[in-house]
Amino acid sequence: MSPVGATSLADLVYDLVRDQIITFKLKPFDALSEKKVAETVGVSRTPVREALARLATQRLVDIYPQRGTMVSPLRRIDLESSQFMREVLEVGLVKRVAALEKRDEVVKKLRAEVAFQEVLADLDDEVRFYGSDEAFHRVIAVHAGLPGMWEEIRRAKIHMDRYRHLMLATVERNVGEIADQHGAIIAAIDAGDVKAAGKAMRTHLRRVLKFVDEVTEIYPAYFEAPENDVSLVAVTG
């Protein structure tokens, strides 16, 4: 097999396993067998090994030599790091957009997306709402003149996505609040208020943090033991 072909297969396996981890089809502490994954996908073990190594660098799987591989538990430090990186990137992007001289087009696109989100919220269609939320943030990256940053944001927010999927299945009771926060971001962009745009985005992206304790109480088995969680040790130590 050519190196290009091997890389493509590794990407395929990576995308498949990553999505299953983020959506909890594969749950924290589930064992991952190279052989079983290879047989399920219909590939050799080499691209599976490459994909698992990549997932390990992103702290989505833990690889133990001579013991095997398992889905990483939820760790608060991963969420906090993910949220921090996303906030840095997206606050900068939204400020660039708010500072543009011509903002009518981006405002129009963002308002259309929020109108769609309001319909989806009324329908309790959380899956498509999540997709529309992604589209909203991607529009901002594109109009900031840095469309490639969206891929950077997708990588940065991977642990936020994991928590958000669990929240949607348990403690998220008002997705309409997300649409309202999007509305505040739009209002600031429309007014050309750079400071307000940054503040609105910051508030929006920190929303996920307020649900962590509740999710931990519902699914304690999904989380790393408190004595091993660096963020908790830092706070309580």
Protein backbone atom coordinates (compact mmCIF):
# COMPACT_ATOMS: atom_id res chain seq x y z
CA MET A 1 0.00 0.00 0.00
CA SER A 2 1.27 3.45 -0.85
CA PRO A 3 2.04 5.98 1.92
CA VAL A 4 -0.79 8.15 0.62
CA GLY A 5 -3.24 5.27 0.82
CA ALA A 6 -2.10 4.36 4.32
CA THR A 7 -2.52 7.96 5.45
CA SER A 8 -6.02 8.12 3.98
CA LEU A 9 -7.04 4.94 5.81
CA ALA A 10 -5.55 6.23 9.06
CA ASP A 11 -7.56 9.43 8.64
CA LEU A 12 -10.71 7.40 8.04
CA VAL A 13 -10.17 5.33 11.18
CA TYR A 14 -9.28 8.44 13.15
CA ASP A 15 -12.46 10.25 12.11
CA LEU A 16 -14.61 7.22 12.87
CA VAL A 17 -13.19 6.52 16.33
CA ARG A 18 -13.00 10.21 17.27
CA ASP A 19 -16.67 10.75 16.39
CA GLN A 20 -17.68 7.66 18.37
CA ILE A 21 -15.76 8.93 21.39
CA ILE A 22 -17.20 12.45 21.17
CA THR A 23 -20.77 11.16 20.83
CA PHE A 24 -20.31 8.52 23.56
CA LYS A 25 -20.90 5.55 21.29
CA LEU A 26 -17.53 4.67 22.77
CA LYS A 27 -17.64 5.52 26.46
CA PRO A 28 -14.88 6.50 28.88
CA PHE A 29 -12.75 3.54 29.94
CA ASP A 30 -14.03 1.33 27.07
CA ALA A 31 -11.28 -0.95 25.79
CA LEU A 32 -10.12 -0.46 22.21
CA SER A 33 -8.60 -3.41 20.41
CA GLU A 34 -6.49 -2.70 17.32
CA LYS A 35 -7.57 -6.05 15.90
CA LYS A 36 -11.28 -5.47 16.52
CA VAL A 37 -11.24 -1.94 15.11
CA ALA A 38 -9.35 -3.15 12.04
CA GLU A 39 -11.87 -5.95 11.45
CA THR A 40 -14.84 -3.61 11.97
CA VAL A 41 -13.55 -0.99 9.53
CA GLY A 42 -12.06 -3.52 7.12
CA VAL A 43 -8.47 -2.30 7.16
CA SER A 44 -5.12 -3.62 8.33
CA ARG A 45 -3.86 -2.89 11.82
CA THR A 46 -1.28 -0.34 10.63
CA PRO A 47 -3.71 2.55 9.94
CA VAL A 48 -5.57 1.67 13.14
CA ARG A 49 -2.34 1.95 15.11
CA GLU A 50 -1.60 5.31 13.49
CA ALA A 51 -5.11 6.60 14.23
CA LEU A 52 -4.96 5.52 17.88
CA ALA A 53 -1.57 7.18 18.30
CA ARG A 54 -3.05 10.42 16.95
CA LEU A 55 -6.04 10.15 19.27
CA ALA A 56 -3.66 9.59 22.18
CA THR A 57 -1.86 12.88 21.44
CA GLN A 58 -5.26 14.57 21.75
CA ARG A 59 -5.98 12.78 25.06
CA LEU A 60 -9.00 10.98 23.64
CA VAL A 61 -7.48 7.55 24.22
CA ASP A 62 -4.93 6.28 26.72
CA ILE A 63 -2.38 3.75 25.50
CA TYR A 64 -0.75 1.48 28.06
CA PRO A 65 2.22 -0.56 26.78
CA GLN A 66 1.66 -4.29 27.25
CA ARG A 67 -1.84 -3.58 28.58
CA GLY A 68 -3.77 -2.09 25.69
CA THR A 69 -5.74 1.01 24.78
CA MET A 70 -8.87 2.50 26.30
CA VAL A 71 -11.07 5.54 25.77
CA SER A 72 -9.82 8.34 28.00
CA PRO A 73 -11.99 9.34 30.94
CA LEU A 74 -13.38 12.86 31.07
CA ARG A 75 -10.91 15.19 32.70
CA ARG A 76 -11.73 18.72 33.77
CA ILE A 77 -8.27 19.90 32.83
CA ASP A 78 -8.93 18.82 29.24
CA LEU A 79 -12.20 20.76 29.14
CA GLU A 80 -10.60 23.84 30.68
CA SER A 81 -7.68 23.74 28.24
CA SER A 82 -10.01 23.18 25.28
CA GLN A 83 -12.30 26.03 26.31
CA PHE A 84 -9.35 28.36 26.93
CA MET A 85 -7.84 27.76 23.49
CA ARG A 86 -11.17 28.15 21.74
CA GLU A 87 -11.92 31.40 23.59
CA VAL A 88 -8.56 32.91 22.63
CA LEU A 89 -9.12 32.09 18.96
CA GLU A 90 -12.78 33.03 18.63
CA VAL A 91 -12.70 36.23 20.67
CA GLY A 92 -9.94 37.42 18.37
CA LEU A 93 -11.92 36.47 15.28
CA VAL A 94 -15.16 38.12 16.34
CA LYS A 95 -13.30 41.34 17.18
CA ARG A 96 -11.83 41.35 13.67
CA VAL A 97 -15.32 40.98 12.22
CA ALA A 98 -16.79 43.72 14.42
CA ALA A 99 -13.99 46.03 13.28
CA LEU A 100 -14.82 45.57 9.57
CA GLU A 101 -16.14 48.59 7.71
CA LYS A 102 -18.64 46.46 5.79
CA ARG A 103 -20.52 44.08 8.04
CA ASP A 104 -23.94 43.78 6.40
CA GLU A 105 -23.24 40.47 4.69
CA VAL A 106 -21.91 38.68 7.76
CA VAL A 107 -24.74 40.04 9.92
CA LYS A 108 -27.28 38.80 7.39
CA LYS A 109 -25.77 35.31 7.34
CA LEU A 110 -25.53 35.10 11.12
CA ARG A 111 -29.12 36.28 11.60
CA ALA A 112 -30.34 33.65 9.14
CA GLU A 113 -28.48 30.96 11.10
CA VAL A 114 -29.96 32.13 14.40
CA ALA A 115 -33.48 32.18 12.90
CA PHE A 116 -32.92 28.55 11.92
CA GLN A 117 -31.66 27.76 15.42
CA GLU A 118 -34.79 29.24 16.99
CA VAL A 119 -36.93 26.89 14.88
CA LEU A 120 -34.76 23.92 15.82
CA ALA A 121 -34.94 24.88 19.51
CA ASP A 122 -38.75 24.89 19.33
CA LEU A 123 -38.62 21.45 17.68
CA ASP A 124 -36.15 20.13 20.29
CA ASP A 125 -33.95 19.06 17.38
CA GLU A 126 -30.65 19.12 19.24
CA VAL A 127 -28.68 17.28 16.58
CA ARG A 128 -29.36 19.81 13.81
CA PHE A 129 -29.11 22.67 16.32
CA TYR A 130 -25.57 21.54 17.09
CA GLY A 131 -24.77 21.57 13.37
CA SER A 132 -26.19 25.07 13.00
CA ASP A 133 -24.14 26.24 15.97
CA GLU A 134 -21.02 25.00 14.18
CA ALA A 135 -22.07 26.86 11.01
CA PHE A 136 -22.58 30.10 12.99
CA HIS A 137 -19.04 30.08 14.32
CA ARG A 138 -17.58 29.06 10.97
CA VAL A 139 -19.20 32.10 9.31
CA ILE A 140 -17.38 34.37 11.75
CA ALA A 141 -14.03 32.74 10.98
CA VAL A 142 -14.58 33.09 7.23
CA HIS A 143 -15.61 36.75 7.41
CA ALA A 144 -12.69 37.54 9.70
CA GLY A 145 -10.57 36.77 6.64
CA LEU A 146 -9.03 33.68 8.26
CA PRO A 147 -11.13 30.72 7.04
CA GLY A 148 -8.33 28.27 7.83
CA MET A 149 -8.71 29.11 11.51
CA TRP A 150 -11.90 27.06 11.62
CA GLU A 151 -9.89 23.85 11.42
CA GLU A 152 -7.69 25.11 14.25
CA ILE A 153 -10.81 25.84 16.29
CA ARG A 154 -12.22 22.37 15.54
CA ARG A 155 -9.05 20.82 16.90
CA ALA A 156 -8.97 23.13 19.91
CA LYS A 157 -12.56 22.47 20.93
CA ILE A 158 -12.53 18.69 20.69
CA HIS A 159 -12.92 18.18 24.46
CA MET A 160 -15.60 20.88 24.63
CA ASP A 161 -17.48 18.91 21.99
CA ARG A 162 -17.25 15.78 24.10
CA TYR A 163 -18.74 17.52 27.13
CA ARG A 164 -21.39 19.25 25.03
CA HIS A 165 -22.70 15.97 23.63
CA LEU A 166 -23.05 14.63 27.15
CA MET A 167 -24.75 17.85 28.24
CA LEU A 168 -27.27 17.66 25.40
CA ALA A 169 -28.21 14.17 26.52
CA THR A 170 -28.60 15.12 30.18
CA VAL A 171 -28.47 18.63 31.64
CA GLU A 172 -28.97 20.95 28.66
CA ARG A 173 -32.52 22.18 29.19
CA ASN A 174 -32.55 25.36 27.16
CA VAL A 175 -30.74 25.39 23.82
CA GLY A 176 -32.70 28.57 23.11
CA GLU A 177 -30.28 30.31 25.48
CA ILE A 178 -27.50 29.51 23.02
CA ALA A 179 -29.45 31.20 20.22
CA ASP A 180 -29.96 34.22 22.49
CA GLN A 181 -26.21 34.42 23.13
CA HIS A 182 -25.62 34.24 19.39
CA GLY A 183 -28.03 37.14 19.05
CA ALA A 184 -25.93 39.21 21.45
CA ILE A 185 -22.84 38.48 19.37
CA ILE A 186 -24.65 39.60 16.21
CA ALA A 187 -25.88 42.80 17.85
CA ALA A 188 -22.33 43.74 18.81
CA ILE A 189 -21.00 42.99 15.32
CA ASP A 190 -23.81 44.97 13.72
CA ALA A 191 -23.02 47.95 15.95
CA GLY A 192 -19.31 47.67 15.20
CA ASP A 193 -18.66 47.41 18.94
CA VAL A 194 -15.41 45.45 19.14
CA LYS A 195 -15.31 45.31 22.94
CA ALA A 196 -18.93 44.15 23.25
CA ALA A 197 -18.40 41.52 20.54
CA GLY A 198 -15.46 40.06 22.43
CA LYS A 199 -17.39 40.08 25.70
CA ALA A 200 -20.45 38.41 24.14
CA MET A 201 -18.31 35.67 22.60
CA ARG A 202 -16.45 35.14 25.86
CA THR A 203 -19.70 34.75 27.78
CA HIS A 204 -21.02 32.34 25.18
CA LEU A 205 -17.96 30.09 25.16
CA ARG A 206 -17.77 29.91 28.96
CA ARG A 207 -21.33 28.61 29.19
CA VAL A 208 -20.21 24.97 29.03
CA LEU A 209 -18.23 25.34 32.27
CA LYS A 210 -21.30 25.93 34.43
CA PHE A 211 -22.64 22.44 33.71
CA VAL A 212 -19.56 20.44 34.68
CA ASP A 213 -20.48 19.76 38.31
CA GLU A 214 -23.97 18.60 37.39
CA VAL A 215 -22.71 16.28 34.66
CA THR A 216 -20.11 14.88 37.05
CA GLU A 217 -22.82 14.03 39.58
CA ILE A 218 -24.90 12.23 36.94
CA TYR A 219 -22.02 10.28 35.36
CA PRO A 220 -19.26 9.96 37.99
CA ALA A 221 -17.99 6.76 36.35
CA TYR A 222 -17.09 8.71 33.20
CA PHE A 223 -14.63 10.97 35.01
CA GLU A 224 -11.07 10.50 36.10
CA ALA A 225 -10.70 9.94 39.84
CA PRO A 226 -10.46 13.33 41.65
CA GLU A 227 -7.00 12.55 43.04
CA ASN A 228 -5.72 12.16 39.46
CA ASP A 229 -7.42 15.26 38.02
CA VAL A 230 -4.74 17.95 37.73
CA SER A 231 -7.25 20.82 37.65
CA LEU A 232 -8.85 19.74 40.93
CA VAL A 233 -5.49 19.18 42.61
CA ALA A 234 -4.41 22.67 41.54
CA VAL A 235 -7.53 24.21 43.07
CA THR A 236 -7.64 22.23 46.30
CA GLY A 237 -3.93 21.65 46.90
